[in-house]
Amino acid sequence: MAQPPEKPTKAESFAGSVMKYSIATYLGFVISGAALVIKGVLPAESYGVPAAFMSYTVSLMNVGMLGLDQSLLRFYRDPPAGVTGRRMFHACTRLSLLVMLVVGAVGSLFFARPLGVAFGLGSGGAVLVPFLFLNAALYMLVRYVNVLLRLENDVRAYTAQTLWMNACLNLIYLLPGFFTTNTYWFIAAGIAGFGGVAIAFWFKGMRGQPREGKPDLAQYGQIYRTVLPYGLLLAPAAILSPLYRSVCLTSLASDAAAQGQFEFAYTLALLVTTVQAGFSTYWGPYVYAHYRTEQARIGRIHDLLNFLIFGFFCCLIAFEDIIFLIFPAKADCMPFFPIMMLSSVFSILIEGTVYGNAIARRPHHDTIGVGLGVVVNIALCAALVPDHGIAGAALALAAANGSMFLYRTLTGQYYYRTIPNIPRTISGFLLALAATAVGVVCYQHFLLKLVLIACILFVYCTIYRNQLNKLIQLALGIARKFLRRS
């Protein structure tokens, strides 16, 4: 007699939910990997300015967005009386386009030269400023449609558009590098990419929807009174966050090759985020839905995330030599690459520590934390880059992310605790700092570095032995379930 299928455990259900939200991220990792290969092949000086252009595109997009993408996520299913979610979408899009038009016109007509210098766009930067605002406006439309597709549960279109958006931001603008080193061709490719995906998916999002009349002034006022206060509180953090990378690129603007080397190392350091794939998309709503009843489980997930990230971080440091054997022209990145990865670790681990600010409705703490990081970044770039070049920029980036992480974690844990064992977490961070130091000091001694990192990993596995055991049990459970089905 056939046995009834076993009901999946809670841990397996959680892992399956995270995997469902990870499809676009894993496929996007392929795009990021292709971009990394291209950056490894092309001369670093050829894509330094285009990388700064794309980096500032993100911040300017968020200036026009005004945090309204987050407002749509919050109020699309809970709009004001007499207003539909679609009508809110159109009202938010129109306001953002108006803001971007005004800001872009003023910036391009009156401040093009200082903005070109501030953005690290090279000697001809003033000419590129209007195109930077155009690119940001196109990216903003892509982001709005992306939110709409997610809200309306069009998973296939959402995944496809997310991949196109990733390709536009990280890959397409690099393709002219195989034929030319002219910066303007890189910029043209980036704008064409965003323009194409904006047009294609705008019509995709609008297709089959009933036409709604334009809202009257009273409805506009009702919509904006709902969405603006919420969005504007979150907008500064969204605007400032991309500046961590952008400020470093600007500080290296006098040396296009250094900009390119930094951009390559930054892209490579993001490999650490593959462990987090899809996690943040699923984790935020899960915490908000269960923080009253599942605090112990949320703490356990925090520890599992820490262990996974720390372990993957150590493995990348131990075997980074292989990567730079593949890209020997970028071997100058090796001395500071572990520091760049440490900054990515801070950016990932913050996902498990800061939700207390949102739960307590204190989003200003997130903005303060991000702003603190930007101030630290600017100050340290000014102090370190003139004497230490790319290594100074890497230190500034890690210190900025570390400052943001510390402030937002302390405030988030004050309102809602997700760290079940503080000494264990502190020990993990100290070991991460030790692994970083080993990677920097022993970058020319592969075997010594490998032995020392192996010792650090052994200590990690000892401290996090319960988490390691849970991961092994979870993997075995999923494997047994797969074998039964096959």
Protein backbone atom coordinates (compact mmCIF):
# COMPACT_ATOMS: atom_id res chain seq x y z
CA MET A 1 0.00 0.00 0.00
CA ALA A 2 1.41 3.37 -1.04
CA GLN A 3 2.48 5.59 1.77
CA PRO A 4 0.96 9.07 1.87
CA PRO A 5 3.46 11.81 1.06
CA GLU A 6 5.09 13.28 4.11
CA LYS A 7 4.10 16.79 5.00
CA PRO A 8 7.10 19.08 4.50
CA THR A 9 8.67 20.36 7.68
CA LYS A 10 8.45 24.00 8.59
CA ALA A 11 12.13 24.48 7.73
CA GLU A 12 11.66 22.85 4.32
CA SER A 13 8.59 25.03 3.62
CA PHE A 14 10.56 28.15 4.54
CA ALA A 15 13.46 27.13 2.30
CA GLY A 16 11.06 26.42 -0.56
CA SER A 17 9.45 29.84 -0.20
CA VAL A 18 12.84 31.54 -0.27
CA MET A 19 13.83 29.55 -3.36
CA LYS A 20 10.65 30.63 -5.14
CA TYR A 21 11.64 34.25 -4.69
CA SER A 22 15.22 33.50 -5.73
CA ILE A 23 14.65 32.57 -9.39
CA ALA A 24 15.25 36.07 -10.73
CA THR A 25 18.20 36.55 -8.40
CA TYR A 26 19.95 33.34 -9.43
CA LEU A 27 19.42 34.04 -13.13
CA GLY A 28 20.55 37.61 -12.46
CA PHE A 29 23.72 36.20 -10.96
CA VAL A 30 24.49 34.73 -14.39
CA ILE A 31 24.16 38.23 -15.86
CA SER A 32 26.40 39.67 -13.14
CA GLY A 33 28.91 36.88 -13.79
CA ALA A 34 28.95 37.74 -17.49
CA ALA A 35 29.49 41.40 -16.62
CA LEU A 36 32.37 40.40 -14.34
CA VAL A 37 34.00 38.39 -17.14
CA ILE A 38 33.68 41.35 -19.53
CA LYS A 39 35.18 43.72 -16.96
CA GLY A 40 37.99 41.24 -16.45
CA VAL A 41 38.75 41.18 -20.18
CA LEU A 42 38.34 44.88 -21.04
CA PRO A 43 40.97 47.45 -20.08
CA ALA A 44 40.00 48.94 -16.70
CA GLU A 45 40.26 52.54 -17.96
CA SER A 46 37.67 51.92 -20.70
CA TYR A 47 34.69 51.41 -18.37
CA GLY A 48 35.65 53.55 -15.35
CA VAL A 49 33.56 56.59 -16.35
CA PRO A 50 30.60 54.50 -17.65
CA ALA A 51 30.56 52.63 -14.32
CA ALA A 52 30.33 55.96 -12.44
CA PHE A 53 27.56 57.03 -14.87
CA MET A 54 25.51 53.91 -14.11
CA SER A 55 26.18 54.19 -10.38
CA TYR A 56 24.82 57.72 -10.15
CA THR A 57 21.88 56.71 -12.33
CA VAL A 58 20.57 54.72 -9.36
CA SER A 59 20.75 57.65 -6.92
CA LEU A 60 19.14 60.10 -9.36
CA MET A 61 16.41 57.57 -10.10
CA ASN A 62 15.58 57.52 -6.40
CA VAL A 63 15.50 61.34 -6.33
CA GLY A 64 12.66 61.28 -8.85
CA MET A 65 11.02 58.26 -7.23
CA LEU A 66 10.55 60.09 -3.89
CA GLY A 67 10.12 56.74 -2.15
CA LEU A 68 6.78 56.26 -3.93
CA ASP A 69 7.71 52.75 -5.04
CA GLN A 70 7.64 51.80 -1.35
CA SER A 71 4.35 53.67 -0.93
CA LEU A 72 2.83 51.63 -3.76
CA LEU A 73 3.99 48.41 -2.11
CA ARG A 74 2.31 49.56 1.11
CA PHE A 75 -0.95 51.10 -0.18
CA TYR A 76 -1.69 49.44 -3.55
CA ARG A 77 -4.01 46.92 -1.87
CA ASP A 78 -5.18 49.44 0.70
CA PRO A 79 -5.84 52.65 -1.28
CA PRO A 80 -7.87 55.66 -0.09
CA ALA A 81 -11.63 55.45 -0.50
CA GLY A 82 -12.75 55.78 -4.12
CA VAL A 83 -9.26 55.24 -5.52
CA THR A 84 -7.93 52.09 -7.22
CA GLY A 85 -4.41 50.76 -6.98
CA ARG A 86 -3.93 51.38 -10.71
CA ARG A 87 -4.94 55.00 -10.30
CA MET A 88 -2.40 55.37 -7.51
CA PHE A 89 0.23 53.84 -9.79
CA HIS A 90 -0.45 56.38 -12.54
CA ALA A 91 -0.55 59.32 -10.12
CA CYS A 92 2.79 58.33 -8.57
CA THR A 93 4.38 57.84 -12.00
CA ARG A 94 3.22 61.25 -13.22
CA LEU A 95 4.52 63.03 -10.13
CA SER A 96 7.91 61.29 -10.36
CA LEU A 97 8.26 62.15 -14.06
CA LEU A 98 7.47 65.79 -13.29
CA VAL A 99 10.06 65.88 -10.51
CA MET A 100 12.69 64.24 -12.73
CA LEU A 101 11.93 66.70 -15.55
CA VAL A 102 12.36 69.72 -13.28
CA VAL A 103 15.47 68.42 -11.49
CA GLY A 104 17.04 67.26 -14.77
CA ALA A 105 16.37 70.56 -16.54
CA VAL A 106 17.78 72.66 -13.69
CA GLY A 107 20.80 70.38 -13.22
CA SER A 108 21.59 70.22 -16.94
CA LEU A 109 21.12 73.93 -17.69
CA PHE A 110 22.74 75.53 -14.64
CA PHE A 111 24.93 72.93 -12.89
CA ALA A 112 26.19 70.59 -15.61
CA ARG A 113 29.88 71.34 -15.11
CA PRO A 114 30.02 70.98 -11.28
CA LEU A 115 27.77 67.91 -11.43
CA GLY A 116 30.03 66.32 -14.03
CA VAL A 117 32.99 66.82 -11.68
CA ALA A 118 31.06 65.68 -8.59
CA PHE A 119 29.90 62.52 -10.38
CA GLY A 120 33.42 61.63 -11.54
CA LEU A 121 32.44 61.65 -15.24
CA GLY A 122 35.83 62.78 -16.51
CA SER A 123 36.87 65.82 -18.53
CA GLY A 124 33.74 65.80 -20.69
CA GLY A 125 31.40 65.16 -17.81
CA ALA A 126 29.24 68.26 -18.36
CA VAL A 127 28.07 66.86 -21.71
CA LEU A 128 27.04 63.59 -20.06
CA VAL A 129 24.90 65.16 -17.29
CA PRO A 130 21.66 65.55 -19.38
CA PHE A 131 22.01 61.93 -20.54
CA LEU A 132 22.50 60.88 -16.93
CA PHE A 133 19.14 62.40 -15.99
CA LEU A 134 17.53 60.80 -19.06
CA ASN A 135 18.91 57.41 -18.08
CA ALA A 136 17.67 57.88 -14.50
CA ALA A 137 14.17 58.74 -15.79
CA LEU A 138 14.06 55.60 -17.95
CA TYR A 139 15.29 53.47 -15.04
CA MET A 140 12.58 55.04 -12.87
CA LEU A 141 9.86 53.94 -15.32
CA VAL A 142 11.35 50.44 -15.37
CA ARG A 143 11.29 50.35 -11.57
CA TYR A 144 7.65 51.50 -11.41
CA VAL A 145 6.52 48.79 -13.84
CA ASN A 146 8.58 46.24 -11.92
CA VAL A 147 6.68 47.12 -8.74
CA LEU A 148 3.36 46.93 -10.58
CA LEU A 149 4.08 43.47 -12.00
CA ARG A 150 5.10 42.26 -8.54
CA LEU A 151 1.94 43.66 -6.93
CA GLU A 152 -0.30 42.05 -9.56
CA ASN A 153 1.45 38.68 -9.18
CA ASP A 154 2.55 38.43 -12.80
CA VAL A 155 5.52 36.27 -11.80
CA ARG A 156 6.68 35.46 -15.32
CA ALA A 157 6.70 39.07 -16.49
CA TYR A 158 8.18 40.24 -13.17
CA THR A 159 11.05 37.75 -13.46
CA ALA A 160 11.72 38.62 -17.11
CA GLN A 161 11.69 42.35 -16.43
CA THR A 162 13.89 42.02 -13.36
CA LEU A 163 16.45 40.19 -15.48
CA TRP A 164 16.30 42.86 -18.19
CA MET A 165 16.68 45.56 -15.56
CA ASN A 166 19.71 43.76 -14.13
CA ALA A 167 21.20 43.42 -17.62
CA CYS A 168 20.70 47.12 -18.36
CA LEU A 169 22.31 48.20 -15.11
CA ASN A 170 25.27 45.80 -15.14
CA LEU A 171 25.91 44.29 -18.57
CA ILE A 172 24.51 45.96 -21.69
CA TYR A 173 26.44 49.21 -21.28
CA LEU A 174 29.72 47.24 -21.31
CA LEU A 175 29.18 45.59 -24.72
CA PRO A 176 30.59 48.46 -26.85
CA GLY A 177 33.91 47.86 -25.06
CA PHE A 178 34.62 45.00 -27.48
CA PHE A 179 34.70 47.50 -30.36
CA THR A 180 35.65 50.90 -28.93
CA THR A 181 36.97 52.73 -25.89
CA ASN A 182 34.83 55.81 -26.60
CA THR A 183 32.81 56.60 -23.46
CA TYR A 184 29.85 57.92 -25.43
CA TRP A 185 29.17 54.52 -26.99
CA PHE A 186 29.02 52.94 -23.52
CA ILE A 187 26.53 55.63 -22.44
CA ALA A 188 24.45 55.22 -25.60
CA ALA A 189 24.21 51.45 -25.03
CA GLY A 190 23.07 51.97 -21.44
CA ILE A 191 20.36 54.46 -22.43
CA ALA A 192 19.19 52.26 -25.32
CA GLY A 193 18.92 49.29 -22.97
CA PHE A 194 16.80 51.10 -20.38
CA GLY A 195 14.72 52.75 -23.10
CA GLY A 196 13.93 49.42 -24.72
CA VAL A 197 12.90 47.66 -21.52
CA ALA A 198 10.90 50.70 -20.33
CA ILE A 199 8.85 50.84 -23.54
CA ALA A 200 8.36 47.06 -23.86
CA PHE A 201 7.25 46.43 -20.30
CA TRP A 202 5.21 49.62 -19.96
CA PHE A 203 2.93 48.35 -22.74
CA LYS A 204 3.06 44.87 -21.19
CA GLY A 205 1.89 46.28 -17.87
CA MET A 206 -0.89 48.33 -19.47
CA ARG A 207 -2.15 45.60 -21.81
CA GLY A 208 -5.62 44.24 -21.08
CA GLN A 209 -6.35 46.77 -18.35
CA PRO A 210 -9.62 48.77 -18.41
CA ARG A 211 -9.14 52.45 -19.17
CA GLU A 212 -9.64 54.68 -16.18
CA GLY A 213 -10.50 58.31 -16.47
CA LYS A 214 -7.98 60.80 -15.20
CA PRO A 215 -8.40 61.45 -11.50
CA ASP A 216 -9.71 64.90 -10.58
CA LEU A 217 -7.78 67.31 -8.37
CA ALA A 218 -9.51 66.04 -5.24
CA GLN A 219 -8.44 62.47 -5.98
CA TYR A 220 -4.90 63.59 -6.73
CA GLY A 221 -4.81 65.35 -3.38
CA GLN A 222 -6.21 62.27 -1.66
CA ILE A 223 -3.60 60.02 -3.27
CA TYR A 224 -0.64 62.29 -2.56
CA ARG A 225 -1.71 62.88 1.06
CA THR A 226 -1.56 59.11 1.49
CA VAL A 227 1.61 58.18 -0.39
CA LEU A 228 3.91 61.18 0.00
CA PRO A 229 4.37 61.25 3.80
CA TYR A 230 5.20 57.54 3.81
CA GLY A 231 7.46 57.67 0.76
CA LEU A 232 9.38 60.81 1.70
CA LEU A 233 10.45 59.27 5.01
CA LEU A 234 12.07 56.38 3.09
CA ALA A 235 13.38 58.36 0.11
CA PRO A 236 16.60 59.72 1.71
CA ALA A 237 17.88 56.23 2.53
CA ALA A 238 17.13 55.04 -1.03
CA ILE A 239 18.92 58.09 -2.49
CA LEU A 240 21.94 57.83 -0.21
CA SER A 241 22.54 54.04 -0.29
CA PRO A 242 23.96 53.89 -3.86
CA LEU A 243 26.35 56.73 -2.97
CA TYR A 244 28.63 54.31 -1.09
CA ARG A 245 29.97 52.97 -4.37
CA SER A 246 29.53 56.26 -6.25
CA VAL A 247 31.57 58.34 -3.82
CA CYS A 248 34.48 55.90 -4.11
CA LEU A 249 34.35 56.06 -7.90
CA THR A 250 34.26 59.86 -7.78
CA SER A 251 37.27 59.98 -5.45
CA LEU A 252 39.22 57.98 -8.07
CA ALA A 253 38.05 60.15 -10.97
CA SER A 254 41.55 61.42 -11.75
CA ASP A 255 42.58 57.88 -12.72
CA ALA A 256 40.16 56.06 -15.04
CA ALA A 257 42.16 52.83 -14.70
CA ALA A 258 41.81 52.98 -10.90
CA GLN A 259 38.05 53.55 -11.32
CA GLY A 260 37.86 50.45 -13.50
CA GLN A 261 39.90 48.33 -11.06
CA PHE A 262 37.68 49.41 -8.18
CA GLU A 263 34.53 48.63 -10.20
CA PHE A 264 35.84 45.15 -11.05
CA ALA A 265 36.63 44.39 -7.39
CA TYR A 266 33.24 45.78 -6.31
CA THR A 267 31.40 43.55 -8.78
CA LEU A 268 33.44 40.54 -7.72
CA ALA A 269 32.77 41.24 -4.04
CA LEU A 270 29.03 41.02 -4.71
CA LEU A 271 29.49 37.28 -5.20
CA VAL A 272 28.98 37.05 -1.44
CA THR A 273 25.36 38.08 -1.98
CA THR A 274 24.54 34.84 -3.82
CA VAL A 275 23.98 33.18 -0.43
CA GLN A 276 21.30 35.80 0.23
CA ALA A 277 19.58 35.28 -3.13
CA GLY A 278 15.86 35.97 -2.80
CA PHE A 279 16.13 36.08 0.99
CA SER A 280 15.43 39.78 1.48
CA THR A 281 12.45 39.71 -0.93
CA TYR A 282 10.78 37.03 1.18
CA TRP A 283 12.16 37.86 4.61
CA GLY A 284 10.77 41.38 5.11
CA PRO A 285 7.08 40.45 4.63
CA TYR A 286 7.64 37.30 6.72
CA VAL A 287 9.03 39.28 9.67
CA TYR A 288 6.20 41.83 9.52
CA ALA A 289 3.61 39.03 9.47
CA HIS A 290 5.13 36.90 12.26
CA TYR A 291 7.22 39.12 14.54
CA ARG A 292 4.71 38.80 17.39
CA THR A 293 4.50 35.00 17.31
CA GLU A 294 7.77 33.77 15.75
CA GLN A 295 10.51 35.77 17.48
CA ALA A 296 12.49 32.65 18.45
CA ARG A 297 12.37 31.33 14.89
CA ILE A 298 13.37 34.71 13.47
CA GLY A 299 16.40 34.60 15.77
CA ARG A 300 17.31 31.11 14.53
CA ILE A 301 17.11 32.26 10.90
CA HIS A 302 19.38 35.19 11.79
CA ASP A 303 22.00 32.79 13.13
CA LEU A 304 21.72 30.55 10.05
CA LEU A 305 22.18 33.56 7.76
CA ASN A 306 25.23 34.68 9.75
CA PHE A 307 26.81 31.25 9.54
CA LEU A 308 26.20 30.91 5.80
CA ILE A 309 27.54 34.37 5.00
CA PHE A 310 30.59 34.05 7.25
CA GLY A 311 31.44 30.63 5.83
CA PHE A 312 31.05 31.68 2.19
CA PHE A 313 33.06 34.83 2.90
CA CYS A 314 35.97 32.76 4.25
CA CYS A 315 35.88 30.40 1.28
CA LEU A 316 36.05 33.29 -1.18
CA ILE A 317 39.06 34.77 0.62
CA ALA A 318 40.78 31.38 0.71
CA PHE A 319 40.39 30.76 -3.02
CA GLU A 320 40.46 34.30 -4.43
CA ASP A 321 43.80 33.45 -6.10
CA ILE A 322 41.94 31.26 -8.61
CA ILE A 323 39.79 34.20 -9.69
CA PHE A 324 42.80 36.42 -10.27
CA LEU A 325 44.59 33.67 -12.16
CA ILE A 326 41.67 33.82 -14.59
CA PHE A 327 41.91 37.64 -14.74
CA PRO A 328 45.63 38.37 -14.36
CA ALA A 329 45.22 41.96 -15.57
CA LYS A 330 43.17 42.65 -12.42
CA ALA A 331 45.65 41.03 -9.99
CA ASP A 332 46.35 44.47 -8.48
CA CYS A 333 42.96 44.11 -6.73
CA MET A 334 44.12 41.22 -4.55
CA PRO A 335 45.60 43.23 -1.64
CA PHE A 336 42.33 45.06 -0.96
CA PHE A 337 39.74 42.59 -2.29
CA PRO A 338 39.00 41.02 1.14
CA ILE A 339 38.15 44.50 2.45
CA MET A 340 35.69 44.98 -0.42
CA MET A 341 34.05 41.65 0.42
CA LEU A 342 33.77 42.65 4.08
CA SER A 343 31.74 45.70 3.04
CA SER A 344 29.35 43.37 1.14
CA VAL A 345 29.03 41.19 4.23
CA PHE A 346 27.85 44.19 6.26
CA SER A 347 25.28 45.00 3.57
CA ILE A 348 23.88 41.45 3.68
CA LEU A 349 23.82 40.83 7.42
CA ILE A 350 21.87 44.01 8.02
CA GLU A 351 18.85 42.13 6.60
CA GLY A 352 18.64 40.17 9.83
CA THR A 353 19.07 42.98 12.34
CA VAL A 354 17.21 46.18 11.39
CA TYR A 355 13.51 45.32 11.11
CA GLY A 356 12.89 46.64 14.60
CA ASN A 357 13.03 50.19 13.23
CA ALA A 358 10.21 49.46 10.78
CA ILE A 359 8.20 47.47 13.34
CA ALA A 360 8.41 50.38 15.78
CA ARG A 361 7.67 52.85 12.93
CA ARG A 362 11.03 54.58 13.36
CA PRO A 363 12.26 54.67 9.72
CA HIS A 364 14.27 57.82 10.43
CA HIS A 365 16.84 55.61 12.16
CA ASP A 366 17.48 53.82 8.86
CA THR A 367 17.95 57.16 7.11
CA ILE A 368 20.30 58.40 9.84
CA GLY A 369 22.32 55.18 9.59
CA VAL A 370 22.68 55.45 5.82
CA GLY A 371 23.56 59.15 6.09
CA LEU A 372 26.19 58.37 8.73
CA GLY A 373 27.76 55.85 6.35
CA VAL A 374 27.86 58.39 3.51
CA VAL A 375 29.56 60.98 5.77
CA VAL A 376 32.15 58.37 6.87
CA ASN A 377 32.69 57.36 3.25
CA ILE A 378 33.26 60.93 2.03
CA ALA A 379 35.58 61.78 4.94
CA LEU A 380 37.70 58.65 4.60
CA CYS A 381 37.90 58.88 0.81
CA ALA A 382 39.18 62.45 1.18
CA ALA A 383 41.71 61.34 3.81
CA LEU A 384 42.88 58.02 2.37
CA VAL A 385 42.55 58.02 -1.42
CA PRO A 386 45.23 60.68 -2.15
CA ASP A 387 47.91 58.56 -0.44
CA HIS A 388 46.58 55.01 -0.76
CA GLY A 389 44.54 55.04 -3.98
CA ILE A 390 42.16 52.12 -4.50
CA ALA A 391 43.05 50.53 -1.15
CA GLY A 392 41.99 53.75 0.58
CA ALA A 393 38.69 53.74 -1.31
CA ALA A 394 38.11 50.10 -0.31
CA LEU A 395 38.77 50.93 3.36
CA ALA A 396 36.39 53.89 3.13
CA LEU A 397 33.67 51.69 1.63
CA ALA A 398 34.05 49.02 4.33
CA ALA A 399 34.08 51.62 7.12
CA ALA A 400 30.97 53.29 5.67
CA ASN A 401 29.04 50.02 5.48
CA GLY A 402 30.29 49.06 8.94
CA SER A 403 29.13 52.39 10.44
CA MET A 404 25.71 52.07 8.83
CA PHE A 405 25.43 48.46 9.98
CA LEU A 406 26.38 49.29 13.58
CA TYR A 407 23.97 52.23 13.96
CA ARG A 408 20.99 50.56 12.30
CA THR A 409 21.59 47.28 14.12
CA LEU A 410 21.80 48.92 17.55
CA THR A 411 18.60 50.89 16.99
CA GLY A 412 16.80 47.95 15.34
CA GLN A 413 17.70 45.58 18.17
CA TYR A 414 16.54 48.15 20.72
CA TYR A 415 13.01 47.99 19.30
CA TYR A 416 12.91 44.31 18.31
CA ARG A 417 15.55 41.73 19.11
CA THR A 418 16.50 39.24 16.41
CA ILE A 419 19.98 38.34 17.73
CA PRO A 420 19.45 35.40 20.12
CA ASN A 421 23.06 35.13 21.27
CA ILE A 422 25.06 38.37 21.29
CA PRO A 423 28.45 36.85 22.29
CA ARG A 424 28.22 34.34 19.44
CA THR A 425 27.39 37.07 16.94
CA ILE A 426 30.24 39.30 18.16
CA SER A 427 32.63 36.34 17.96
CA GLY A 428 31.54 35.75 14.38
CA PHE A 429 32.28 39.35 13.43
CA LEU A 430 35.68 39.26 15.11
CA LEU A 431 36.51 36.13 13.13
CA ALA A 432 35.35 37.88 9.93
CA LEU A 433 37.74 40.74 10.70
CA ALA A 434 40.51 38.18 11.32
CA ALA A 435 39.79 36.51 7.95
CA THR A 436 39.93 39.92 6.27
CA ALA A 437 43.30 40.67 7.87
CA VAL A 438 44.64 37.27 6.77
CA GLY A 439 43.49 37.93 3.18
CA VAL A 440 45.17 41.35 3.11
CA VAL A 441 48.45 40.38 4.78
CA CYS A 442 48.92 36.96 3.14
CA TYR A 443 47.62 37.67 -0.36
CA GLN A 444 50.95 36.59 -1.85
CA HIS A 445 51.18 33.38 0.20
CA PHE A 446 48.39 31.05 -0.91
CA LEU A 447 49.19 28.02 1.28
CA LEU A 448 49.68 30.07 4.45
CA LYS A 449 46.45 31.93 3.79
CA LEU A 450 44.60 28.67 3.12
CA VAL A 451 45.78 27.13 6.40
CA LEU A 452 44.88 30.21 8.46
CA ILE A 453 41.44 30.54 6.84
CA ALA A 454 40.81 26.82 7.43
CA CYS A 455 41.54 27.38 11.14
CA ILE A 456 39.11 30.30 11.22
CA LEU A 457 36.45 28.18 9.48
CA PHE A 458 36.95 25.41 12.05
CA VAL A 459 36.34 27.92 14.86
CA TYR A 460 33.23 29.17 13.01
CA CYS A 461 31.86 25.65 12.71
CA THR A 462 32.53 25.08 16.41
CA ILE A 463 30.75 28.27 17.48
CA TYR A 464 27.87 27.68 15.08
CA ARG A 465 27.76 23.88 15.41
CA ASN A 466 23.99 23.83 16.10
CA GLN A 467 23.36 25.89 12.97
CA LEU A 468 25.64 23.62 10.94
CA ASN A 469 23.73 20.58 12.18
CA LYS A 470 20.39 22.19 11.24
CA LEU A 471 21.65 22.97 7.74
CA ILE A 472 22.83 19.37 7.29
CA GLN A 473 19.47 18.02 8.48
CA LEU A 474 17.60 20.42 6.19
CA ALA A 475 19.73 19.43 3.18
CA LEU A 476 19.21 15.72 3.91
CA GLY A 477 15.45 16.23 4.31
CA ILE A 478 15.18 18.04 0.99
CA ALA A 479 17.35 15.38 -0.70
CA ARG A 480 15.18 12.54 0.68
CA LYS A 481 12.03 14.31 -0.49
CA PHE A 482 13.49 14.76 -3.97
CA LEU A 483 14.53 11.10 -4.18
CA ARG A 484 11.06 9.93 -3.13
CA ARG A 485 9.43 12.02 -5.83
CA SER A 486 11.82 10.79 -8.52
